[in-house]
Amino acid sequence: MSENTQETLFEFPCQFPIKAMGKNSGELELIVIAIVGRHAPDTQRHKVVAKPSKDGNYLAVTVTIEASSKQQLDAIYQDLVDHPHVLMAL
């Protein structure tokens, strides 16, 4: 393995679901779509699923992208967890 290759179990490109959770503020879905879209501009709107929690206080937004590298995924996750509206990203 070369020094520039980071070990991963995925073969890129691949379909990869990214999930972000936060308070159901009405804007979380748009925030997640914008963040993911910066790193994966070809993401299609029909690949976004938003699901509220049982009591409706929280929202889970899943965006499935065509991931091209581990570095791309790392950048998406970092931007998501850095945003104050996002409580968790999986």
PDB file of N, CA and C in Angstrom:
ATOM      1  N   MET A   1       0.848  -1.169   0.000  1.00  0.00           N
ATOM      2  CA  MET A   1       0.000   0.000   0.000  1.00  0.00           C
ATOM      3  C   MET A   1       0.893   1.231   0.000  1.00  0.00           C
ATOM      4  N   SER A   2       0.600   2.156  -0.895  1.00  0.00           N
ATOM      5  CA  SER A   2       1.420   3.358  -0.956  1.00  0.00           C
ATOM      6  C   SER A   2       1.099   4.282   0.210  1.00  0.00           C
ATOM      7  N   GLU A   3       1.964   5.196   0.438  1.00  0.00           N
ATOM      8  CA  GLU A   3       1.807   6.106   1.556  1.00  0.00           C
ATOM      9  C   GLU A   3       0.621   7.055   1.356  1.00  0.00           C
ATOM     10  N   ASN A   4       0.220   7.326   0.113  1.00  0.00           N
ATOM     11  CA  ASN A   4      -0.914   8.209  -0.171  1.00  0.00           C
ATOM     12  C   ASN A   4      -2.251   7.490  -0.125  1.00  0.00           C
ATOM     13  N   THR A   5      -2.232   6.181  -0.035  1.00  0.00           N
ATOM     14  CA  THR A   5      -3.473   5.409  -0.020  1.00  0.00           C
ATOM     15  C   THR A   5      -3.897   5.175   1.414  1.00  0.00           C
ATOM     16  N   GLN A   6      -5.118   5.620   1.730  1.00  0.00           N
ATOM     17  CA  GLN A   6      -5.630   5.365   3.068  1.00  0.00           C
ATOM     18  C   GLN A   6      -6.469   4.099   3.011  1.00  0.00           C
ATOM     19  N   GLU A   7      -6.321   3.279   4.032  1.00  0.00           N
ATOM     20  CA  GLU A   7      -7.033   2.010   4.063  1.00  0.00           C
ATOM     21  C   GLU A   7      -8.529   2.231   4.250  1.00  0.00           C
ATOM     22  N   THR A   8      -9.317   1.555   3.442  1.00  0.00           N
ATOM     23  CA  THR A   8     -10.771   1.641   3.535  1.00  0.00           C
ATOM     24  C   THR A   8     -11.362   0.326   3.048  1.00  0.00           C
ATOM     25  N   LEU A   9     -12.553   0.029   3.524  1.00  0.00           N
ATOM     26  CA  LEU A   9     -13.236  -1.195   3.103  1.00  0.00           C
ATOM     27  C   LEU A   9     -14.082  -0.974   1.862  1.00  0.00           C
ATOM     28  N   PHE A  10     -14.180   0.248   1.399  1.00  0.00           N
ATOM     29  CA  PHE A  10     -15.020   0.581   0.252  1.00  0.00           C
ATOM     30  C   PHE A  10     -14.200   0.641  -1.021  1.00  0.00           C
ATOM     31  N   GLU A  11     -14.853   0.278  -2.111  1.00  0.00           N
ATOM     32  CA  GLU A  11     -14.261   0.466  -3.434  1.00  0.00           C
ATOM     33  C   GLU A  11     -14.966   1.642  -4.063  1.00  0.00           C
ATOM     34  N   PHE A  12     -14.200   2.639  -4.450  1.00  0.00           N
ATOM     35  CA  PHE A  12     -14.774   3.853  -5.026  1.00  0.00           C
ATOM     36  C   PHE A  12     -14.691   3.806  -6.539  1.00  0.00           C
ATOM     37  N   PRO A  13     -15.661   4.389  -7.221  1.00  0.00           N
ATOM     38  CA  PRO A  13     -16.851   5.054  -6.700  1.00  0.00           C
ATOM     39  C   PRO A  13     -17.884   4.041  -6.195  1.00  0.00           C
ATOM     40  N   CYS A  14     -18.732   4.495  -5.259  1.00  0.00           N
ATOM     41  CA  CYS A  14     -19.788   3.641  -4.729  1.00  0.00           C
ATOM     42  C   CYS A  14     -20.946   4.500  -4.214  1.00  0.00           C
ATOM     43  N   GLN A  15     -22.109   3.886  -4.130  1.00  0.00           N
ATOM     44  CA  GLN A  15     -23.264   4.551  -3.530  1.00  0.00           C
ATOM     45  C   GLN A  15     -23.062   4.535  -2.026  1.00  0.00           C
ATOM     46  N   PHE A  16     -23.202   5.685  -1.388  1.00  0.00           N
ATOM     47  CA  PHE A  16     -22.919   5.772   0.034  1.00  0.00           C
ATOM     48  C   PHE A  16     -23.955   6.653   0.724  1.00  0.00           C
ATOM     49  N   PRO A  17     -24.683   6.104   1.705  1.00  0.00           N
ATOM     50  CA  PRO A  17     -25.664   6.917   2.434  1.00  0.00           C
ATOM     51  C   PRO A  17     -24.997   7.690   3.577  1.00  0.00           C
ATOM     52  N   ILE A  18     -25.279   8.977   3.628  1.00  0.00           N
ATOM     53  CA  ILE A  18     -24.777   9.834   4.695  1.00  0.00           C
ATOM     54  C   ILE A  18     -25.982  10.296   5.498  1.00  0.00           C
ATOM     55  N   LYS A  19     -25.942  10.100   6.815  1.00  0.00           N
ATOM     56  CA  LYS A  19     -27.072  10.471   7.668  1.00  0.00           C
ATOM     57  C   LYS A  19     -26.627  11.539   8.649  1.00  0.00           C
ATOM     58  N   ALA A  20     -27.451  12.585   8.740  1.00  0.00           N
ATOM     59  CA  ALA A  20     -27.213  13.649   9.709  1.00  0.00           C
ATOM     60  C   ALA A  20     -28.476  13.832  10.534  1.00  0.00           C
ATOM     61  N   MET A  21     -28.294  14.082  11.830  1.00  0.00           N
ATOM     62  CA  MET A  21     -29.431  14.262  12.718  1.00  0.00           C
ATOM     63  C   MET A  21     -29.291  15.563  13.484  1.00  0.00           C
ATOM     64  N   GLY A  22     -30.450  16.176  13.758  1.00  0.00           N
ATOM     65  CA  GLY A  22     -30.456  17.415  14.518  1.00  0.00           C
ATOM     66  C   GLY A  22     -31.870  17.767  14.923  1.00  0.00           C
ATOM     67  N   LYS A  23     -32.011  18.918  15.566  1.00  0.00           N
ATOM     68  CA  LYS A  23     -33.330  19.406  15.959  1.00  0.00           C
ATOM     69  C   LYS A  23     -34.155  19.641  14.702  1.00  0.00           C
ATOM     70  N   ASN A  24     -35.440  19.332  14.776  1.00  0.00           N
ATOM     71  CA  ASN A  24     -36.346  19.504  13.641  1.00  0.00           C
ATOM     72  C   ASN A  24     -36.734  20.978  13.555  1.00  0.00           C
ATOM     73  N   SER A  25     -35.824  21.774  13.024  1.00  0.00           N
ATOM     74  CA  SER A  25     -35.967  23.226  12.996  1.00  0.00           C
ATOM     75  C   SER A  25     -36.661  23.731  11.732  1.00  0.00           C
ATOM     76  N   GLY A  26     -36.917  22.864  10.800  1.00  0.00           N
ATOM     77  CA  GLY A  26     -37.495  23.303   9.543  1.00  0.00           C
ATOM     78  C   GLY A  26     -36.455  23.596   8.483  1.00  0.00           C
ATOM     79  N   GLU A  27     -35.220  23.821   8.885  1.00  0.00           N
ATOM     80  CA  GLU A  27     -34.177  24.113   7.903  1.00  0.00           C
ATOM     81  C   GLU A  27     -33.068  23.073   7.862  1.00  0.00           C
ATOM     82  N   LEU A  28     -33.116  22.088   8.748  1.00  0.00           N
ATOM     83  CA  LEU A  28     -32.038  21.092   8.802  1.00  0.00           C
ATOM     84  C   LEU A  28     -31.870  20.360   7.474  1.00  0.00           C
ATOM     85  N   GLU A  29     -32.975  19.956   6.866  1.00  0.00           N
ATOM     86  CA  GLU A  29     -32.871  19.227   5.596  1.00  0.00           C
ATOM     87  C   GLU A  29     -32.136  20.059   4.544  1.00  0.00           C
ATOM     88  N   LEU A  30     -32.468  21.337   4.438  1.00  0.00           N
ATOM     89  CA  LEU A  30     -31.807  22.203   3.455  1.00  0.00           C
ATOM     90  C   LEU A  30     -30.326  22.399   3.777  1.00  0.00           C
ATOM     91  N   ILE A  31     -30.004  22.483   5.061  1.00  0.00           N
ATOM     92  CA  ILE A  31     -28.611  22.638   5.478  1.00  0.00           C
ATOM     93  C   ILE A  31     -27.800  21.407   5.091  1.00  0.00           C
ATOM     94  N   VAL A  32     -28.339  20.222   5.378  1.00  0.00           N
ATOM     95  CA  VAL A  32     -27.633  18.975   5.055  1.00  0.00           C
ATOM     96  C   VAL A  32     -27.454  18.848   3.544  1.00  0.00           C
ATOM     97  N   ILE A  33     -28.502  19.142   2.788  1.00  0.00           N
ATOM     98  CA  ILE A  33     -28.414  19.063   1.323  1.00  0.00           C
ATOM     99  C   ILE A  33     -27.340  20.023   0.798  1.00  0.00           C
ATOM    100  N   ALA A  34     -27.288  21.226   1.345  1.00  0.00           N
ATOM    101  CA  ALA A  34     -26.295  22.210   0.899  1.00  0.00           C
ATOM    102  C   ALA A  34     -24.874  21.753   1.214  1.00  0.00           C
ATOM    103  N   ILE A  35     -24.664  21.234   2.424  1.00  0.00           N
ATOM    104  CA  ILE A  35     -23.327  20.779   2.811  1.00  0.00           C
ATOM    105  C   ILE A  35     -22.888  19.610   1.941  1.00  0.00           C
ATOM    106  N   VAL A  36     -23.737  18.609   1.799  1.00  0.00           N
ATOM    107  CA  VAL A  36     -23.390  17.445   0.984  1.00  0.00           C
ATOM    108  C   VAL A  36     -23.189  17.868  -0.470  1.00  0.00           C
ATOM    109  N   GLY A  37     -24.034  18.770  -0.949  1.00  0.00           N
ATOM    110  CA  GLY A  37     -23.951  19.229  -2.339  1.00  0.00           C
ATOM    111  C   GLY A  37     -22.649  19.935  -2.672  1.00  0.00           C
ATOM    112  N   ARG A  38     -22.032  20.568  -1.684  1.00  0.00           N
ATOM    113  CA  ARG A  38     -20.739  21.219  -1.927  1.00  0.00           C
ATOM    114  C   ARG A  38     -19.666  20.200  -2.275  1.00  0.00           C
ATOM    115  N   HIS A  39     -19.777  19.012  -1.716  1.00  0.00           N
ATOM    116  CA  HIS A  39     -18.768  17.969  -1.917  1.00  0.00           C
ATOM    117  C   HIS A  39     -19.178  16.944  -2.973  1.00  0.00           C
ATOM    118  N   ALA A  40     -20.474  16.833  -3.216  1.00  0.00           N
ATOM    119  CA  ALA A  40     -21.005  15.880  -4.199  1.00  0.00           C
ATOM    120  C   ALA A  40     -22.084  16.599  -5.016  1.00  0.00           C
ATOM    121  N   PRO A  41     -21.653  17.485  -5.924  1.00  0.00           N
ATOM    122  CA  PRO A  41     -22.610  18.328  -6.651  1.00  0.00           C
ATOM    123  C   PRO A  41     -23.590  17.567  -7.540  1.00  0.00           C
ATOM    124  N   ASP A  42     -23.304  16.324  -7.852  1.00  0.00           N
ATOM    125  CA  ASP A  42     -24.206  15.549  -8.708  1.00  0.00           C
ATOM    126  C   ASP A  42     -25.302  14.840  -7.913  1.00  0.00           C
ATOM    127  N   THR A  43     -25.383  15.100  -6.619  1.00  0.00           N
ATOM    128  CA  THR A  43     -26.398  14.448  -5.779  1.00  0.00           C
ATOM    129  C   THR A  43     -27.794  14.834  -6.270  1.00  0.00           C
ATOM    130  N   GLN A  44     -28.634  13.838  -6.377  1.00  0.00           N
ATOM    131  CA  GLN A  44     -29.993  14.059  -6.880  1.00  0.00           C
ATOM    132  C   GLN A  44     -30.971  14.193  -5.726  1.00  0.00           C
ATOM    133  N   ARG A  45     -31.930  15.075  -5.890  1.00  0.00           N
ATOM    134  CA  ARG A  45     -32.902  15.382  -4.836  1.00  0.00           C
ATOM    135  C   ARG A  45     -33.685  14.145  -4.405  1.00  0.00           C
ATOM    136  N   HIS A  46     -33.965  13.227  -5.328  1.00  0.00           N
ATOM    137  CA  HIS A  46     -34.725  12.035  -4.949  1.00  0.00           C
ATOM    138  C   HIS A  46     -33.896  11.063  -4.098  1.00  0.00           C
ATOM    139  N   LYS A  47     -32.625  11.359  -3.923  1.00  0.00           N
ATOM    140  CA  LYS A  47     -31.751  10.535  -3.080  1.00  0.00           C
ATOM    141  C   LYS A  47     -31.714  11.041  -1.642  1.00  0.00           C
ATOM    142  N   VAL A  48     -32.626  11.970  -1.303  1.00  0.00           N
ATOM    143  CA  VAL A  48     -32.688  12.548   0.036  1.00  0.00           C
ATOM    144  C   VAL A  48     -33.949  12.045   0.734  1.00  0.00           C
ATOM    145  N   VAL A  49     -33.771  11.519   1.948  1.00  0.00           N
ATOM    146  CA  VAL A  49     -34.898  11.044   2.742  1.00  0.00           C
ATOM    147  C   VAL A  49     -34.804  11.699   4.123  1.00  0.00           C
ATOM    148  N   ALA A  50     -35.894  12.348   4.539  1.00  0.00           N
ATOM    149  CA  ALA A  50     -35.941  12.973   5.861  1.00  0.00           C
ATOM    150  C   ALA A  50     -36.994  12.258   6.690  1.00  0.00           C
ATOM    151  N   LYS A  51     -36.615  11.921   7.917  1.00  0.00           N
ATOM    152  CA  LYS A  51     -37.530  11.194   8.788  1.00  0.00           C
ATOM    153  C   LYS A  51     -37.521  11.831  10.173  1.00  0.00           C
ATOM    154  N   PRO A  52     -38.693  12.306  10.625  1.00  0.00           N
ATOM    155  CA  PRO A  52     -38.752  12.895  11.969  1.00  0.00           C
ATOM    156  C   PRO A  52     -38.744  11.811  13.045  1.00  0.00           C
ATOM    157  N   SER A  53     -38.317  12.197  14.246  1.00  0.00           N
ATOM    158  CA  SER A  53     -38.356  11.277  15.382  1.00  0.00           C
ATOM    159  C   SER A  53     -39.808  11.052  15.792  1.00  0.00           C
ATOM    160  N   LYS A  54     -40.004  10.119  16.689  1.00  0.00           N
ATOM    161  CA  LYS A  54     -41.356   9.751  17.138  1.00  0.00           C
ATOM    162  C   LYS A  54     -42.152  10.972  17.603  1.00  0.00           C
ATOM    163  N   ASP A  55     -41.536  11.829  18.382  1.00  0.00           N
ATOM    164  CA  ASP A  55     -42.217  13.019  18.891  1.00  0.00           C
ATOM    165  C   ASP A  55     -42.067  14.238  17.980  1.00  0.00           C
ATOM    166  N   GLY A  56     -41.317  14.098  16.897  1.00  0.00           N
ATOM    167  CA  GLY A  56     -41.151  15.188  15.949  1.00  0.00           C
ATOM    168  C   GLY A  56     -40.152  16.254  16.365  1.00  0.00           C
ATOM    169  N   ASN A  57     -39.424  16.023  17.446  1.00  0.00           N
ATOM    170  CA  ASN A  57     -38.460  17.019  17.922  1.00  0.00           C
ATOM    171  C   ASN A  57     -37.149  16.996  17.139  1.00  0.00           C
ATOM    172  N   TYR A  58     -36.816  15.843  16.572  1.00  0.00           N
ATOM    173  CA  TYR A  58     -35.564  15.673  15.843  1.00  0.00           C
ATOM    174  C   TYR A  58     -35.853  15.183  14.437  1.00  0.00           C
ATOM    175  N   LEU A  59     -34.867  15.387  13.564  1.00  0.00           N
ATOM    176  CA  LEU A  59     -35.010  14.969  12.178  1.00  0.00           C
ATOM    177  C   LEU A  59     -33.730  14.252  11.762  1.00  0.00           C
ATOM    178  N   ALA A  60     -33.886  13.133  11.065  1.00  0.00           N
ATOM    179  CA  ALA A  60     -32.754  12.416  10.474  1.00  0.00           C
ATOM    180  C   ALA A  60     -32.845  12.602   8.968  1.00  0.00           C
ATOM    181  N   VAL A  61     -31.786  13.088   8.379  1.00  0.00           N
ATOM    182  CA  VAL A  61     -31.745  13.318   6.934  1.00  0.00           C
ATOM    183  C   VAL A  61     -30.678  12.392   6.353  1.00  0.00           C
ATOM    184  N   THR A  62     -31.083  11.540   5.420  1.00  0.00           N
ATOM    185  CA  THR A  62     -30.149  10.637   4.753  1.00  0.00           C
ATOM    186  C   THR A  62     -30.021  11.054   3.294  1.00  0.00           C
ATOM    187  N   VAL A  63     -28.793  11.258   2.862  1.00  0.00           N
ATOM    188  CA  VAL A  63     -28.506  11.624   1.480  1.00  0.00           C
ATOM    189  C   VAL A  63     -27.587  10.541   0.921  1.00  0.00           C
ATOM    190  N   THR A  64     -28.014   9.893  -0.153  1.00  0.00           N
ATOM    191  CA  THR A  64     -27.175   8.876  -0.791  1.00  0.00           C
ATOM    192  C   THR A  64     -26.436   9.528  -1.948  1.00  0.00           C
ATOM    193  N   ILE A  65     -25.114   9.415  -1.901  1.00  0.00           N
ATOM    194  CA  ILE A  65     -24.274  10.033  -2.930  1.00  0.00           C
ATOM    195  C   ILE A  65     -23.470   8.975  -3.677  1.00  0.00           C
ATOM    196  N   GLU A  66     -22.922   9.385  -4.773  1.00  0.00           N
ATOM    197  CA  GLU A  66     -21.928   8.586  -5.492  1.00  0.00           C
ATOM    198  C   GLU A  66     -20.578   9.044  -4.946  1.00  0.00           C
ATOM    199  N   ALA A  67     -20.067   8.313  -3.964  1.00  0.00           N
ATOM    200  CA  ALA A  67     -18.817   8.698  -3.304  1.00  0.00           C
ATOM    201  C   ALA A  67     -17.626   8.355  -4.179  1.00  0.00           C
ATOM    202  N   SER A  68     -16.692   9.292  -4.269  1.00  0.00           N
ATOM    203  CA  SER A  68     -15.530   9.067  -5.125  1.00  0.00           C
ATOM    204  C   SER A  68     -14.255   8.748  -4.348  1.00  0.00           C
ATOM    205  N   SER A  69     -14.224   9.069  -3.041  1.00  0.00           N
ATOM    206  CA  SER A  69     -13.013   8.790  -2.266  1.00  0.00           C
ATOM    207  C   SER A  69     -13.294   8.894  -0.770  1.00  0.00           C
ATOM    208  N   LYS A  70     -12.398   8.332   0.013  1.00  0.00           N
ATOM    209  CA  LYS A  70     -12.485   8.459   1.464  1.00  0.00           C
ATOM    210  C   LYS A  70     -12.303   9.920   1.872  1.00  0.00           C
ATOM    211  N   GLN A  71     -11.440  10.635   1.181  1.00  0.00           N
ATOM    212  CA  GLN A  71     -11.205  12.043   1.487  1.00  0.00           C
ATOM    213  C   GLN A  71     -12.491  12.856   1.293  1.00  0.00           C
ATOM    214  N   GLN A  72     -13.250  12.545   0.253  1.00  0.00           N
ATOM    215  CA  GLN A  72     -14.518  13.230   0.021  1.00  0.00           C
ATOM    216  C   GLN A  72     -15.479  12.971   1.183  1.00  0.00           C
ATOM    217  N   LEU A  73     -15.593  11.721   1.603  1.00  0.00           N
ATOM    218  CA  LEU A  73     -16.483  11.378   2.718  1.00  0.00           C
ATOM    219  C   LEU A  73     -16.025  12.054   4.006  1.00  0.00           C
ATOM    220  N   ASP A  74     -14.727  12.055   4.266  1.00  0.00           N
ATOM    221  CA  ASP A  74     -14.200  12.709   5.463  1.00  0.00           C
ATOM    222  C   ASP A  74     -14.540  14.199   5.473  1.00  0.00           C
ATOM    223  N   ALA A  75     -14.424  14.844   4.328  1.00  0.00           N
ATOM    224  CA  ALA A  75     -14.723  16.282   4.232  1.00  0.00           C
ATOM    225  C   ALA A  75     -16.210  16.549   4.472  1.00  0.00           C
ATOM    226  N   ILE A  76     -17.071  15.703   3.931  1.00  0.00           N
ATOM    227  CA  ILE A  76     -18.517  15.860   4.145  1.00  0.00           C
ATOM    228  C   ILE A  76     -18.839  15.718   5.622  1.00  0.00           C
ATOM    229  N   TYR A  77     -18.355  14.659   6.243  1.00  0.00           N
ATOM    230  CA  TYR A  77     -18.630  14.436   7.663  1.00  0.00           C
ATOM    231  C   TYR A  77     -18.089  15.576   8.525  1.00  0.00           C
ATOM    232  N   GLN A  78     -16.911  16.070   8.209  1.00  0.00           N
ATOM    233  CA  GLN A  78     -16.338  17.165   8.994  1.00  0.00           C
ATOM    234  C   GLN A  78     -17.207  18.415   8.892  1.00  0.00           C
ATOM    235  N   ASP A  79     -17.638  18.750   7.673  1.00  0.00           N
ATOM    236  CA  ASP A  79     -18.495  19.922   7.497  1.00  0.00           C
ATOM    237  C   ASP A  79     -19.839  19.751   8.199  1.00  0.00           C
ATOM    238  N   LEU A  80     -20.375  18.538   8.169  1.00  0.00           N
ATOM    239  CA  LEU A  80     -21.655  18.290   8.847  1.00  0.00           C
ATOM    240  C   LEU A  80     -21.519  18.474  10.357  1.00  0.00           C
ATOM    241  N   VAL A  81     -20.535  17.838  10.969  1.00  0.00           N
ATOM    242  CA  VAL A  81     -20.415  17.923  12.424  1.00  0.00           C
ATOM    243  C   VAL A  81     -19.971  19.313  12.884  1.00  0.00           C
ATOM    244  N   ASP A  82     -19.373  20.091  12.005  1.00  0.00           N
ATOM    245  CA  ASP A  82     -18.977  21.460  12.350  1.00  0.00           C
ATOM    246  C   ASP A  82     -20.170  22.418  12.353  1.00  0.00           C
ATOM    247  N   HIS A  83     -21.270  22.027  11.710  1.00  0.00           N
ATOM    248  CA  HIS A  83     -22.427  22.927  11.631  1.00  0.00           C
ATOM    249  C   HIS A  83     -23.223  22.857  12.940  1.00  0.00           C
ATOM    250  N   PRO A  84     -23.614  24.000  13.490  1.00  0.00           N
ATOM    251  CA  PRO A  84     -24.306  24.005  14.784  1.00  0.00           C
ATOM    252  C   PRO A  84     -25.684  23.333  14.788  1.00  0.00           C
ATOM    253  N   HIS A  85     -26.340  23.198  13.641  1.00  0.00           N
ATOM    254  CA  HIS A  85     -27.650  22.557  13.580  1.00  0.00           C
ATOM    255  C   HIS A  85     -27.560  21.033  13.564  1.00  0.00           C
ATOM    256  N   VAL A  86     -26.379  20.508  13.231  1.00  0.00           N
ATOM    257  CA  VAL A  86     -26.196  19.063  13.122  1.00  0.00           C
ATOM    258  C   VAL A  86     -25.665  18.534  14.460  1.00  0.00           C
ATOM    259  N   LEU A  87     -26.435  17.638  15.083  1.00  0.00           N
ATOM    260  CA  LEU A  87     -26.032  17.057  16.360  1.00  0.00           C
ATOM    261  C   LEU A  87     -25.175  15.817  16.183  1.00  0.00           C
ATOM    262  N   MET A  88     -25.403  15.091  15.073  1.00  0.00           N
ATOM    263  CA  MET A  88     -24.684  13.834  14.843  1.00  0.00           C
ATOM    264  C   MET A  88     -24.692  13.508  13.352  1.00  0.00           C
ATOM    265  N   ALA A  89     -23.620  12.912  12.888  1.00  0.00           N
ATOM    266  CA  ALA A  89     -23.538  12.456  11.501  1.00  0.00           C
ATOM    267  C   ALA A  89     -23.007  11.030  11.496  1.00  0.00           C
ATOM    268  N   LEU A  90     -23.661  10.186  10.716  1.00  0.00           N
ATOM    269  CA  LEU A  90     -23.271   8.773  10.608  1.00  0.00           C
ATOM    270  C   LEU A  90     -22.995   8.426   9.172  1.00  0.00           C
TER     271      LEU A  90
END
